[in-house]
Amino acid sequence: MTENDKTYRLHIDGNLFRRQRGLLMRLGALVHGKQAYKPKPGDEALLEGLLNLTDAIADEAHDQHGIDCLLDG
């Protein structure tokens, strides 16, 4: 590791993350096939969890590494 490497210390529920990733893969396949999205029970909670995960990554990037991920393009 070099001085510029960034280390993140997130606590991730493996089973939940697996289900969230599955939802993203399903959404990606629908977009690729230009198909309509039909939500399944629980999708809203999984998406909310993914938004929380990206917020946690951005918060840690800012707090620990001085990177403002939410504003930098």
N, C-alpha and C. Protein backbone atom coordinates (compact mmCIF):
# COMPACT_ATOMS: atom_id res chain seq x y z
N MET A 1 0.83 -1.19 0.00
CA MET A 1 0.00 0.00 0.00
C MET A 1 0.87 1.25 0.00
N THR A 2 0.40 2.22 -0.72
CA THR A 2 1.12 3.48 -0.74
C THR A 2 0.41 4.48 0.16
N GLU A 3 1.04 5.61 0.32
CA GLU A 3 0.47 6.66 1.16
C GLU A 3 -0.86 7.16 0.62
N ASN A 4 -1.06 7.07 -0.70
CA ASN A 4 -2.29 7.57 -1.33
C ASN A 4 -3.45 6.57 -1.27
N ASP A 5 -3.20 5.32 -0.87
CA ASP A 5 -4.26 4.32 -0.79
C ASP A 5 -5.24 4.72 0.32
N LYS A 6 -6.51 4.49 0.05
CA LYS A 6 -7.56 4.82 1.00
C LYS A 6 -8.16 3.52 1.54
N THR A 7 -8.34 3.42 2.82
CA THR A 7 -8.93 2.26 3.46
C THR A 7 -10.29 2.64 4.01
N TYR A 8 -11.29 1.82 3.69
CA TYR A 8 -12.64 2.05 4.19
C TYR A 8 -12.98 0.96 5.20
N ARG A 9 -13.69 1.33 6.25
CA ARG A 9 -14.07 0.39 7.31
C ARG A 9 -15.58 0.39 7.47
N LEU A 10 -16.24 -0.19 6.50
CA LEU A 10 -17.70 -0.25 6.53
C LEU A 10 -18.14 -1.58 7.13
N HIS A 11 -19.26 -1.56 7.82
CA HIS A 11 -19.85 -2.78 8.35
C HIS A 11 -20.98 -3.18 7.41
N ILE A 12 -20.82 -4.30 6.71
CA ILE A 12 -21.77 -4.73 5.69
C ILE A 12 -22.35 -6.08 6.07
N ASP A 13 -23.67 -6.18 6.05
CA ASP A 13 -24.38 -7.43 6.26
C ASP A 13 -24.29 -8.22 4.94
N GLY A 14 -23.56 -9.30 4.94
CA GLY A 14 -23.30 -10.05 3.71
C GLY A 14 -24.56 -10.54 3.02
N ASN A 15 -25.51 -11.09 3.77
CA ASN A 15 -26.74 -11.60 3.18
C ASN A 15 -27.56 -10.47 2.57
N LEU A 16 -27.69 -9.37 3.30
CA LEU A 16 -28.43 -8.22 2.79
C LEU A 16 -27.76 -7.66 1.55
N PHE A 17 -26.44 -7.53 1.58
CA PHE A 17 -25.71 -6.99 0.43
C PHE A 17 -25.87 -7.89 -0.79
N ARG A 18 -25.88 -9.19 -0.58
CA ARG A 18 -26.07 -10.15 -1.67
C ARG A 18 -27.44 -9.91 -2.33
N ARG A 19 -28.48 -9.70 -1.51
CA ARG A 19 -29.82 -9.45 -2.05
C ARG A 19 -29.89 -8.10 -2.76
N GLN A 20 -29.21 -7.10 -2.22
CA GLN A 20 -29.17 -5.79 -2.86
C GLN A 20 -28.47 -5.87 -4.21
N ARG A 21 -27.38 -6.59 -4.24
CA ARG A 21 -26.63 -6.74 -5.50
C ARG A 21 -27.49 -7.48 -6.52
N GLY A 22 -28.24 -8.48 -6.06
CA GLY A 22 -29.13 -9.21 -6.96
C GLY A 22 -30.17 -8.28 -7.57
N LEU A 23 -30.71 -7.37 -6.76
CA LEU A 23 -31.66 -6.39 -7.27
C LEU A 23 -31.01 -5.50 -8.31
N LEU A 24 -29.81 -5.03 -8.03
CA LEU A 24 -29.11 -4.18 -9.01
C LEU A 24 -28.85 -4.92 -10.31
N MET A 25 -28.49 -6.19 -10.21
CA MET A 25 -28.25 -6.99 -11.41
C MET A 25 -29.55 -7.16 -12.21
N ARG A 26 -30.66 -7.38 -11.49
CA ARG A 26 -31.97 -7.52 -12.16
C ARG A 26 -32.35 -6.20 -12.84
N LEU A 27 -32.15 -5.08 -12.15
CA LEU A 27 -32.46 -3.78 -12.74
C LEU A 27 -31.58 -3.51 -13.97
N GLY A 28 -30.31 -3.86 -13.85
CA GLY A 28 -29.40 -3.67 -14.98
C GLY A 28 -29.83 -4.48 -16.19
N ALA A 29 -30.25 -5.72 -15.97
CA ALA A 29 -30.70 -6.57 -17.07
C ALA A 29 -31.97 -5.99 -17.71
N LEU A 30 -32.87 -5.45 -16.89
CA LEU A 30 -34.09 -4.85 -17.42
C LEU A 30 -33.77 -3.62 -18.28
N VAL A 31 -32.86 -2.79 -17.80
CA VAL A 31 -32.46 -1.60 -18.56
C VAL A 31 -31.81 -2.02 -19.87
N HIS A 32 -30.92 -2.99 -19.78
CA HIS A 32 -30.22 -3.47 -20.98
C HIS A 32 -31.21 -4.02 -22.01
N GLY A 33 -32.22 -4.72 -21.54
CA GLY A 33 -33.23 -5.28 -22.44
C GLY A 33 -34.39 -4.35 -22.72
N LYS A 34 -34.29 -3.11 -22.22
CA LYS A 34 -35.33 -2.10 -22.40
C LYS A 34 -36.70 -2.62 -21.98
N GLN A 35 -36.70 -3.27 -20.81
CA GLN A 35 -37.93 -3.82 -20.26
C GLN A 35 -38.38 -2.97 -19.08
N ALA A 36 -39.68 -3.01 -18.82
CA ALA A 36 -40.25 -2.26 -17.70
C ALA A 36 -39.89 -2.92 -16.38
N TYR A 37 -39.71 -2.10 -15.38
CA TYR A 37 -39.42 -2.59 -14.03
C TYR A 37 -40.73 -2.83 -13.30
N LYS A 38 -40.88 -4.03 -12.77
CA LYS A 38 -42.05 -4.39 -11.97
C LYS A 38 -41.54 -4.73 -10.58
N PRO A 39 -41.72 -3.81 -9.64
CA PRO A 39 -41.17 -4.03 -8.29
C PRO A 39 -41.69 -5.31 -7.65
N LYS A 40 -40.81 -5.97 -6.93
CA LYS A 40 -41.16 -7.13 -6.13
C LYS A 40 -41.24 -6.68 -4.67
N PRO A 41 -41.97 -7.44 -3.85
CA PRO A 41 -42.01 -7.09 -2.42
C PRO A 41 -40.59 -7.03 -1.85
N GLY A 42 -40.31 -5.97 -1.13
CA GLY A 42 -39.00 -5.81 -0.50
C GLY A 42 -38.01 -5.00 -1.31
N ASP A 43 -38.30 -4.75 -2.59
CA ASP A 43 -37.35 -3.98 -3.42
C ASP A 43 -37.11 -2.59 -2.87
N GLU A 44 -38.16 -1.94 -2.37
CA GLU A 44 -38.01 -0.58 -1.87
C GLU A 44 -37.01 -0.54 -0.70
N ALA A 45 -37.12 -1.51 0.21
CA ALA A 45 -36.20 -1.55 1.34
C ALA A 45 -34.77 -1.83 0.88
N LEU A 46 -34.61 -2.70 -0.12
CA LEU A 46 -33.28 -2.99 -0.63
C LEU A 46 -32.66 -1.76 -1.28
N LEU A 47 -33.46 -1.02 -2.04
CA LEU A 47 -32.94 0.21 -2.66
C LEU A 47 -32.60 1.26 -1.62
N GLU A 48 -33.44 1.38 -0.59
CA GLU A 48 -33.15 2.32 0.50
C GLU A 48 -31.83 1.96 1.17
N GLY A 49 -31.60 0.67 1.37
CA GLY A 49 -30.34 0.21 1.96
C GLY A 49 -29.15 0.54 1.08
N LEU A 50 -29.31 0.44 -0.23
CA LEU A 50 -28.21 0.79 -1.13
C LEU A 50 -27.93 2.29 -1.09
N LEU A 51 -28.98 3.09 -0.99
CA LEU A 51 -28.76 4.53 -0.84
C LEU A 51 -28.03 4.83 0.45
N ASN A 52 -28.41 4.15 1.52
CA ASN A 52 -27.71 4.33 2.80
C ASN A 52 -26.25 3.90 2.70
N LEU A 53 -25.99 2.82 1.97
CA LEU A 53 -24.61 2.36 1.78
C LEU A 53 -23.79 3.40 1.03
N THR A 54 -24.34 3.97 -0.04
CA THR A 54 -23.58 4.98 -0.78
C THR A 54 -23.36 6.22 0.08
N ASP A 55 -24.34 6.57 0.92
CA ASP A 55 -24.15 7.69 1.85
C ASP A 55 -23.04 7.39 2.85
N ALA A 56 -23.00 6.15 3.35
CA ALA A 56 -21.96 5.77 4.31
C ALA A 56 -20.58 5.83 3.66
N ILE A 57 -20.49 5.39 2.41
CA ILE A 57 -19.21 5.46 1.69
C ILE A 57 -18.79 6.92 1.51
N ALA A 58 -19.74 7.75 1.11
CA ALA A 58 -19.43 9.18 0.92
C ALA A 58 -19.05 9.84 2.23
N ASP A 59 -19.76 9.52 3.31
CA ASP A 59 -19.44 10.09 4.62
C ASP A 59 -18.03 9.70 5.05
N GLU A 60 -17.69 8.43 4.89
CA GLU A 60 -16.36 7.98 5.29
C GLU A 60 -15.28 8.60 4.41
N ALA A 61 -15.57 8.71 3.11
CA ALA A 61 -14.61 9.34 2.21
C ALA A 61 -14.32 10.77 2.65
N HIS A 62 -15.37 11.47 3.06
CA HIS A 62 -15.19 12.85 3.51
C HIS A 62 -14.50 12.91 4.86
N ASP A 63 -15.01 12.14 5.83
CA ASP A 63 -14.50 12.22 7.20
C ASP A 63 -13.08 11.67 7.34
N GLN A 64 -12.77 10.58 6.66
CA GLN A 64 -11.48 9.93 6.83
C GLN A 64 -10.44 10.34 5.79
N HIS A 65 -10.91 10.76 4.61
CA HIS A 65 -9.97 11.00 3.51
C HIS A 65 -10.07 12.38 2.89
N GLY A 66 -11.00 13.20 3.38
CA GLY A 66 -11.13 14.56 2.84
C GLY A 66 -11.66 14.62 1.42
N ILE A 67 -12.35 13.58 0.98
CA ILE A 67 -12.88 13.54 -0.38
C ILE A 67 -14.38 13.84 -0.32
N ASP A 68 -14.82 14.83 -1.08
CA ASP A 68 -16.24 15.17 -1.10
C ASP A 68 -16.88 14.49 -2.30
N CYS A 69 -17.24 13.22 -2.15
CA CYS A 69 -17.79 12.41 -3.23
C CYS A 69 -19.17 12.89 -3.69
N LEU A 70 -19.91 13.50 -2.81
CA LEU A 70 -21.25 13.90 -3.17
C LEU A 70 -21.27 15.13 -4.06
N LEU A 71 -20.20 15.91 -4.05
CA LEU A 71 -20.17 17.12 -4.84
C LEU A 71 -19.19 17.05 -6.01
N ASP A 72 -18.12 16.27 -5.86
CA ASP A 72 -17.14 16.16 -6.95
C ASP A 72 -17.74 15.34 -8.08
N GLY A 73 -17.48 15.79 -9.32
CA GLY A 73 -18.06 15.08 -10.47
C GLY A 73 -17.10 14.23 -11.19
